[in-house]
Amino acid sequence: MAVSYDNLWKLLIDKKLKRTDLKQLCGISSNVLAKLGKNEPVSIDSLEKICLSLNCHIEEIMQIVEDNK
């Protein structure tokens, strides 16, 4: 199984925010932002910061998908 953050990027578009805005708003590091962009796992703490900052639930920013490998 793999993680997809496509919902997060769609939510940012809906809120007219850029990835750099997300970084500043949530207080996440550039490394976390890079991992999100590559659909790599990030800590629950980082996901919590994003959800609290965007006022959303975790299922609105990520999903578990089948691994194509």
PDB file of N, CA and C in Angstrom:
ATOM      1  N   MET A   1       0.832  -1.178   0.000  1.00  0.00           N
ATOM      2  CA  MET A   1       0.000   0.000   0.000  1.00  0.00           C
ATOM      3  C   MET A   1       0.885   1.252   0.000  1.00  0.00           C
ATOM      4  N   ALA A   2       0.377   2.289  -0.616  1.00  0.00           N
ATOM      5  CA  ALA A   2       1.103   3.553  -0.722  1.00  0.00           C
ATOM      6  C   ALA A   2       0.188   4.699  -0.296  1.00  0.00           C
ATOM      7  N   VAL A   3       0.799   5.844  -0.096  1.00  0.00           N
ATOM      8  CA  VAL A   3       0.074   7.039   0.332  1.00  0.00           C
ATOM      9  C   VAL A   3      -0.024   8.009  -0.846  1.00  0.00           C
ATOM     10  N   SER A   4      -1.159   8.666  -0.955  1.00  0.00           N
ATOM     11  CA  SER A   4      -1.337   9.706  -1.972  1.00  0.00           C
ATOM     12  C   SER A   4      -1.842  10.977  -1.299  1.00  0.00           C
ATOM     13  N   TYR A   5      -1.191  12.088  -1.631  1.00  0.00           N
ATOM     14  CA  TYR A   5      -1.599  13.383  -1.085  1.00  0.00           C
ATOM     15  C   TYR A   5      -2.280  14.244  -2.147  1.00  0.00           C
ATOM     16  N   ASP A   6      -2.821  13.625  -3.181  1.00  0.00           N
ATOM     17  CA  ASP A   6      -3.497  14.367  -4.242  1.00  0.00           C
ATOM     18  C   ASP A   6      -4.627  15.229  -3.694  1.00  0.00           C
ATOM     19  N   ASN A   7      -5.331  14.709  -2.693  1.00  0.00           N
ATOM     20  CA  ASN A   7      -6.434  15.482  -2.097  1.00  0.00           C
ATOM     21  C   ASN A   7      -5.930  16.773  -1.453  1.00  0.00           C
ATOM     22  N   LEU A   8      -4.729  16.716  -0.885  1.00  0.00           N
ATOM     23  CA  LEU A   8      -4.136  17.916  -0.280  1.00  0.00           C
ATOM     24  C   LEU A   8      -3.897  18.975  -1.346  1.00  0.00           C
ATOM     25  N   TRP A   9      -3.339  18.587  -2.473  1.00  0.00           N
ATOM     26  CA  TRP A   9      -3.031  19.561  -3.533  1.00  0.00           C
ATOM     27  C   TRP A   9      -4.320  20.154  -4.101  1.00  0.00           C
ATOM     28  N   LYS A  10      -5.365  19.344  -4.211  1.00  0.00           N
ATOM     29  CA  LYS A  10      -6.663  19.862  -4.676  1.00  0.00           C
ATOM     30  C   LYS A  10      -7.247  20.852  -3.664  1.00  0.00           C
ATOM     31  N   LEU A  11      -7.097  20.523  -2.388  1.00  0.00           N
ATOM     32  CA  LEU A  11      -7.596  21.408  -1.335  1.00  0.00           C
ATOM     33  C   LEU A  11      -6.858  22.743  -1.356  1.00  0.00           C
ATOM     34  N   LEU A  12      -5.556  22.701  -1.593  1.00  0.00           N
ATOM     35  CA  LEU A  12      -4.786  23.945  -1.687  1.00  0.00           C
ATOM     36  C   LEU A  12      -5.266  24.801  -2.848  1.00  0.00           C
ATOM     37  N   ILE A  13      -5.546  24.165  -3.970  1.00  0.00           N
ATOM     38  CA  ILE A  13      -6.060  24.900  -5.131  1.00  0.00           C
ATOM     39  C   ILE A  13      -7.397  25.550  -4.780  1.00  0.00           C
ATOM     40  N   ASP A  14      -8.275  24.796  -4.130  1.00  0.00           N
ATOM     41  CA  ASP A  14      -9.584  25.330  -3.738  1.00  0.00           C
ATOM     42  C   ASP A  14      -9.448  26.526  -2.796  1.00  0.00           C
ATOM     43  N   LYS A  15      -8.437  26.486  -1.945  1.00  0.00           N
ATOM     44  CA  LYS A  15      -8.226  27.571  -0.985  1.00  0.00           C
ATOM     45  C   LYS A  15      -7.297  28.657  -1.535  1.00  0.00           C
ATOM     46  N   LYS A  16      -6.905  28.494  -2.808  1.00  0.00           N
ATOM     47  CA  LYS A  16      -6.017  29.453  -3.482  1.00  0.00           C
ATOM     48  C   LYS A  16      -4.697  29.639  -2.726  1.00  0.00           C
ATOM     49  N   LEU A  17      -4.127  28.521  -2.301  1.00  0.00           N
ATOM     50  CA  LEU A  17      -2.854  28.520  -1.592  1.00  0.00           C
ATOM     51  C   LEU A  17      -1.797  27.802  -2.422  1.00  0.00           C
ATOM     52  N   LYS A  18      -0.550  28.195  -2.235  1.00  0.00           N
ATOM     53  CA  LYS A  18       0.578  27.535  -2.883  1.00  0.00           C
ATOM     54  C   LYS A  18       1.253  26.630  -1.868  1.00  0.00           C
ATOM     55  N   ARG A  19       2.131  25.762  -2.340  1.00  0.00           N
ATOM     56  CA  ARG A  19       2.841  24.862  -1.439  1.00  0.00           C
ATOM     57  C   ARG A  19       3.674  25.640  -0.423  1.00  0.00           C
ATOM     58  N   THR A  20       4.273  26.729  -0.852  1.00  0.00           N
ATOM     59  CA  THR A  20       5.061  27.535   0.081  1.00  0.00           C
ATOM     60  C   THR A  20       4.161  28.174   1.146  1.00  0.00           C
ATOM     61  N   ASP A  21       2.931  28.528   0.756  1.00  0.00           N
ATOM     62  CA  ASP A  21       1.963  29.047   1.728  1.00  0.00           C
ATOM     63  C   ASP A  21       1.658  27.983   2.781  1.00  0.00           C
ATOM     64  N   LEU A  22       1.513  26.748   2.331  1.00  0.00           N
ATOM     65  CA  LEU A  22       1.238  25.634   3.235  1.00  0.00           C
ATOM     66  C   LEU A  22       2.379  25.479   4.234  1.00  0.00           C
ATOM     67  N   LYS A  23       3.598  25.553   3.753  1.00  0.00           N
ATOM     68  CA  LYS A  23       4.779  25.417   4.608  1.00  0.00           C
ATOM     69  C   LYS A  23       4.769  26.470   5.704  1.00  0.00           C
ATOM     70  N   GLN A  24       4.516  27.703   5.346  1.00  0.00           N
ATOM     71  CA  GLN A  24       4.513  28.800   6.318  1.00  0.00           C
ATOM     72  C   GLN A  24       3.318  28.722   7.262  1.00  0.00           C
ATOM     73  N   LEU A  25       2.153  28.421   6.716  1.00  0.00           N
ATOM     74  CA  LEU A  25       0.927  28.364   7.509  1.00  0.00           C
ATOM     75  C   LEU A  25       0.985  27.264   8.573  1.00  0.00           C
ATOM     76  N   CYS A  26       1.528  26.115   8.195  1.00  0.00           N
ATOM     77  CA  CYS A  26       1.533  24.952   9.084  1.00  0.00           C
ATOM     78  C   CYS A  26       2.785  24.840   9.927  1.00  0.00           C
ATOM     79  N   GLY A  27       3.834  25.514   9.521  1.00  0.00           N
ATOM     80  CA  GLY A  27       5.092  25.390  10.245  1.00  0.00           C
ATOM     81  C   GLY A  27       5.797  24.075   9.985  1.00  0.00           C
ATOM     82  N   ILE A  28       5.611  23.528   8.786  1.00  0.00           N
ATOM     83  CA  ILE A  28       6.294  22.287   8.427  1.00  0.00           C
ATOM     84  C   ILE A  28       7.599  22.621   7.709  1.00  0.00           C
ATOM     85  N   SER A  29       8.511  21.685   7.685  1.00  0.00           N
ATOM     86  CA  SER A  29       9.816  21.914   7.078  1.00  0.00           C
ATOM     87  C   SER A  29       9.772  21.692   5.565  1.00  0.00           C
ATOM     88  N   SER A  30      10.811  22.139   4.911  1.00  0.00           N
ATOM     89  CA  SER A  30      10.945  21.909   3.466  1.00  0.00           C
ATOM     90  C   SER A  30      11.037  20.418   3.168  1.00  0.00           C
ATOM     91  N   ASN A  31      11.666  19.669   4.074  1.00  0.00           N
ATOM     92  CA  ASN A  31      11.780  18.221   3.886  1.00  0.00           C
ATOM     93  C   ASN A  31      10.414  17.545   3.894  1.00  0.00           C
ATOM     94  N   VAL A  32       9.561  17.966   4.804  1.00  0.00           N
ATOM     95  CA  VAL A  32       8.201  17.404   4.863  1.00  0.00           C
ATOM     96  C   VAL A  32       7.446  17.761   3.588  1.00  0.00           C
ATOM     97  N   LEU A  33       7.571  18.989   3.146  1.00  0.00           N
ATOM     98  CA  LEU A  33       6.904  19.414   1.916  1.00  0.00           C
ATOM     99  C   LEU A  33       7.389  18.601   0.726  1.00  0.00           C
ATOM    100  N   ALA A  34       8.686  18.324   0.669  1.00  0.00           N
ATOM    101  CA  ALA A  34       9.250  17.515  -0.413  1.00  0.00           C
ATOM    102  C   ALA A  34       8.711  16.086  -0.361  1.00  0.00           C
ATOM    103  N   LYS A  35       8.606  15.518   0.845  1.00  0.00           N
ATOM    104  CA  LYS A  35       8.060  14.164   0.983  1.00  0.00           C
ATOM    105  C   LYS A  35       6.600  14.109   0.546  1.00  0.00           C
ATOM    106  N   LEU A  36       5.842  15.134   0.901  1.00  0.00           N
ATOM    107  CA  LEU A  36       4.445  15.194   0.476  1.00  0.00           C
ATOM    108  C   LEU A  36       4.356  15.222  -1.047  1.00  0.00           C
ATOM    109  N   GLY A  37       5.235  15.991  -1.669  1.00  0.00           N
ATOM    110  CA  GLY A  37       5.236  16.100  -3.119  1.00  0.00           C
ATOM    111  C   GLY A  37       5.587  14.806  -3.816  1.00  0.00           C
ATOM    112  N   LYS A  38       6.318  13.928  -3.123  1.00  0.00           N
ATOM    113  CA  LYS A  38       6.720  12.633  -3.690  1.00  0.00           C
ATOM    114  C   LYS A  38       5.837  11.498  -3.203  1.00  0.00           C
ATOM    115  N   ASN A  39       4.753  11.833  -2.506  1.00  0.00           N
ATOM    116  CA  ASN A  39       3.839  10.838  -1.931  1.00  0.00           C
ATOM    117  C   ASN A  39       4.567   9.851  -1.033  1.00  0.00           C
ATOM    118  N   GLU A  40       5.503  10.370  -0.243  1.00  0.00           N
ATOM    119  CA  GLU A  40       6.220   9.553   0.732  1.00  0.00           C
ATOM    120  C   GLU A  40       5.579   9.736   2.099  1.00  0.00           C
ATOM    121  N   PRO A  41       5.722   8.753   2.968  1.00  0.00           N
ATOM    122  CA  PRO A  41       5.136   8.869   4.315  1.00  0.00           C
ATOM    123  C   PRO A  41       5.743  10.027   5.108  1.00  0.00           C
ATOM    124  N   VAL A  42       4.904  10.712   5.861  1.00  0.00           N
ATOM    125  CA  VAL A  42       5.346  11.769   6.779  1.00  0.00           C
ATOM    126  C   VAL A  42       4.752  11.467   8.152  1.00  0.00           C
ATOM    127  N   SER A  43       5.249  12.138   9.159  1.00  0.00           N
ATOM    128  CA  SER A  43       4.797  11.859  10.524  1.00  0.00           C
ATOM    129  C   SER A  43       3.354  12.320  10.745  1.00  0.00           C
ATOM    130  N   ILE A  44       2.739  11.672  11.699  1.00  0.00           N
ATOM    131  CA  ILE A  44       1.380  12.060  12.094  1.00  0.00           C
ATOM    132  C   ILE A  44       1.382  13.486  12.622  1.00  0.00           C
ATOM    133  N   ASP A  45       2.453  13.885  13.291  1.00  0.00           N
ATOM    134  CA  ASP A  45       2.556  15.257  13.798  1.00  0.00           C
ATOM    135  C   ASP A  45       2.448  16.273  12.661  1.00  0.00           C
ATOM    136  N   SER A  46       3.127  15.995  11.556  1.00  0.00           N
ATOM    137  CA  SER A  46       3.066  16.900  10.396  1.00  0.00           C
ATOM    138  C   SER A  46       1.672  16.929   9.795  1.00  0.00           C
ATOM    139  N   LEU A  47       1.048  15.762   9.691  1.00  0.00           N
ATOM    140  CA  LEU A  47      -0.311  15.696   9.143  1.00  0.00           C
ATOM    141  C   LEU A  47      -1.293  16.425  10.058  1.00  0.00           C
ATOM    142  N   GLU A  48      -1.064  16.320  11.362  1.00  0.00           N
ATOM    143  CA  GLU A  48      -1.923  17.025  12.325  1.00  0.00           C
ATOM    144  C   GLU A  48      -1.791  18.539  12.164  1.00  0.00           C
ATOM    145  N   LYS A  49      -0.569  19.024  11.999  1.00  0.00           N
ATOM    146  CA  LYS A  49      -0.352  20.456  11.788  1.00  0.00           C
ATOM    147  C   LYS A  49      -1.095  20.939  10.546  1.00  0.00           C
ATOM    148  N   ILE A  50      -1.038  20.146   9.484  1.00  0.00           N
ATOM    149  CA  ILE A  50      -1.706  20.516   8.228  1.00  0.00           C
ATOM    150  C   ILE A  50      -3.214  20.563   8.439  1.00  0.00           C
ATOM    151  N   CYS A  51      -3.755  19.524   9.057  1.00  0.00           N
ATOM    152  CA  CYS A  51      -5.206  19.465   9.276  1.00  0.00           C
ATOM    153  C   CYS A  51      -5.696  20.616  10.145  1.00  0.00           C
ATOM    154  N   LEU A  52      -4.968  20.913  11.208  1.00  0.00           N
ATOM    155  CA  LEU A  52      -5.377  22.008  12.088  1.00  0.00           C
ATOM    156  C   LEU A  52      -5.291  23.352  11.373  1.00  0.00           C
ATOM    157  N   SER A  53      -4.244  23.544  10.583  1.00  0.00           N
ATOM    158  CA  SER A  53      -4.065  24.815   9.876  1.00  0.00           C
ATOM    159  C   SER A  53      -5.088  25.017   8.768  1.00  0.00           C
ATOM    160  N   LEU A  54      -5.459  23.931   8.094  1.00  0.00           N
ATOM    161  CA  LEU A  54      -6.421  24.028   6.989  1.00  0.00           C
ATOM    162  C   LEU A  54      -7.851  23.768   7.447  1.00  0.00           C
ATOM    163  N   ASN A  55      -8.016  23.475   8.744  1.00  0.00           N
ATOM    164  CA  ASN A  55      -9.340  23.201   9.306  1.00  0.00           C
ATOM    165  C   ASN A  55     -10.040  22.079   8.531  1.00  0.00           C
ATOM    166  N   CYS A  56      -9.356  20.927   8.462  1.00  0.00           N
ATOM    167  CA  CYS A  56      -9.910  19.794   7.725  1.00  0.00           C
ATOM    168  C   CYS A  56      -9.590  18.496   8.462  1.00  0.00           C
ATOM    169  N   HIS A  57     -10.140  17.408   7.967  1.00  0.00           N
ATOM    170  CA  HIS A  57      -9.889  16.081   8.517  1.00  0.00           C
ATOM    171  C   HIS A  57      -8.801  15.399   7.685  1.00  0.00           C
ATOM    172  N   ILE A  58      -8.150  14.412   8.275  1.00  0.00           N
ATOM    173  CA  ILE A  58      -7.026  13.755   7.613  1.00  0.00           C
ATOM    174  C   ILE A  58      -7.435  13.101   6.288  1.00  0.00           C
ATOM    175  N   GLU A  59      -8.654  12.571   6.213  1.00  0.00           N
ATOM    176  CA  GLU A  59      -9.089  11.934   4.976  1.00  0.00           C
ATOM    177  C   GLU A  59      -9.309  12.944   3.845  1.00  0.00           C
ATOM    178  N   GLU A  60      -9.320  14.224   4.187  1.00  0.00           N
ATOM    179  CA  GLU A  60      -9.447  15.265   3.170  1.00  0.00           C
ATOM    180  C   GLU A  60      -8.113  15.628   2.539  1.00  0.00           C
ATOM    181  N   ILE A  61      -7.013  15.160   3.126  1.00  0.00           N
ATOM    182  CA  ILE A  61      -5.704  15.510   2.574  1.00  0.00           C
ATOM    183  C   ILE A  61      -4.902  14.315   2.098  1.00  0.00           C
ATOM    184  N   MET A  62      -5.267  13.106   2.515  1.00  0.00           N
ATOM    185  CA  MET A  62      -4.497  11.937   2.098  1.00  0.00           C
ATOM    186  C   MET A  62      -5.390  10.728   1.923  1.00  0.00           C
ATOM    187  N   GLN A  63      -4.865   9.751   1.212  1.00  0.00           N
ATOM    188  CA  GLN A  63      -5.561   8.493   1.077  1.00  0.00           C
ATOM    189  C   GLN A  63      -4.545   7.370   0.883  1.00  0.00           C
ATOM    190  N   ILE A  64      -4.952   6.164   1.228  1.00  0.00           N
ATOM    191  CA  ILE A  64      -4.119   4.984   1.021  1.00  0.00           C
ATOM    192  C   ILE A  64      -4.545   4.371  -0.311  1.00  0.00           C
ATOM    193  N   VAL A  65      -3.554   4.142  -1.172  1.00  0.00           N
ATOM    194  CA  VAL A  65      -3.833   3.581  -2.493  1.00  0.00           C
ATOM    195  C   VAL A  65      -3.025   2.305  -2.689  1.00  0.00           C
ATOM    196  N   GLU A  66      -3.431   1.502  -3.635  1.00  0.00           N
ATOM    197  CA  GLU A  66      -2.685   0.280  -3.942  1.00  0.00           C
ATOM    198  C   GLU A  66      -1.351   0.623  -4.554  1.00  0.00           C
ATOM    199  N   ASP A  67      -0.336  -0.080  -4.141  1.00  0.00           N
ATOM    200  CA  ASP A  67       1.002   0.120  -4.660  1.00  0.00           C
ATOM    201  C   ASP A  67       1.119  -0.552  -6.014  1.00  0.00           C
ATOM    202  N   ASN A  68       1.573   0.176  -7.022  1.00  0.00           N
ATOM    203  CA  ASN A  68       1.651  -0.365  -8.393  1.00  0.00           C
ATOM    204  C   ASN A  68       2.936  -1.148  -8.654  1.00  0.00           C
ATOM    205  N   LYS A  69       3.718  -1.397  -7.631  1.00  0.00           N
ATOM    206  CA  LYS A  69       4.987  -2.113  -7.824  1.00  0.00           C
ATOM    207  C   LYS A  69       4.795  -3.591  -7.917  1.00  0.00           C
TER     208      LYS A  69
END
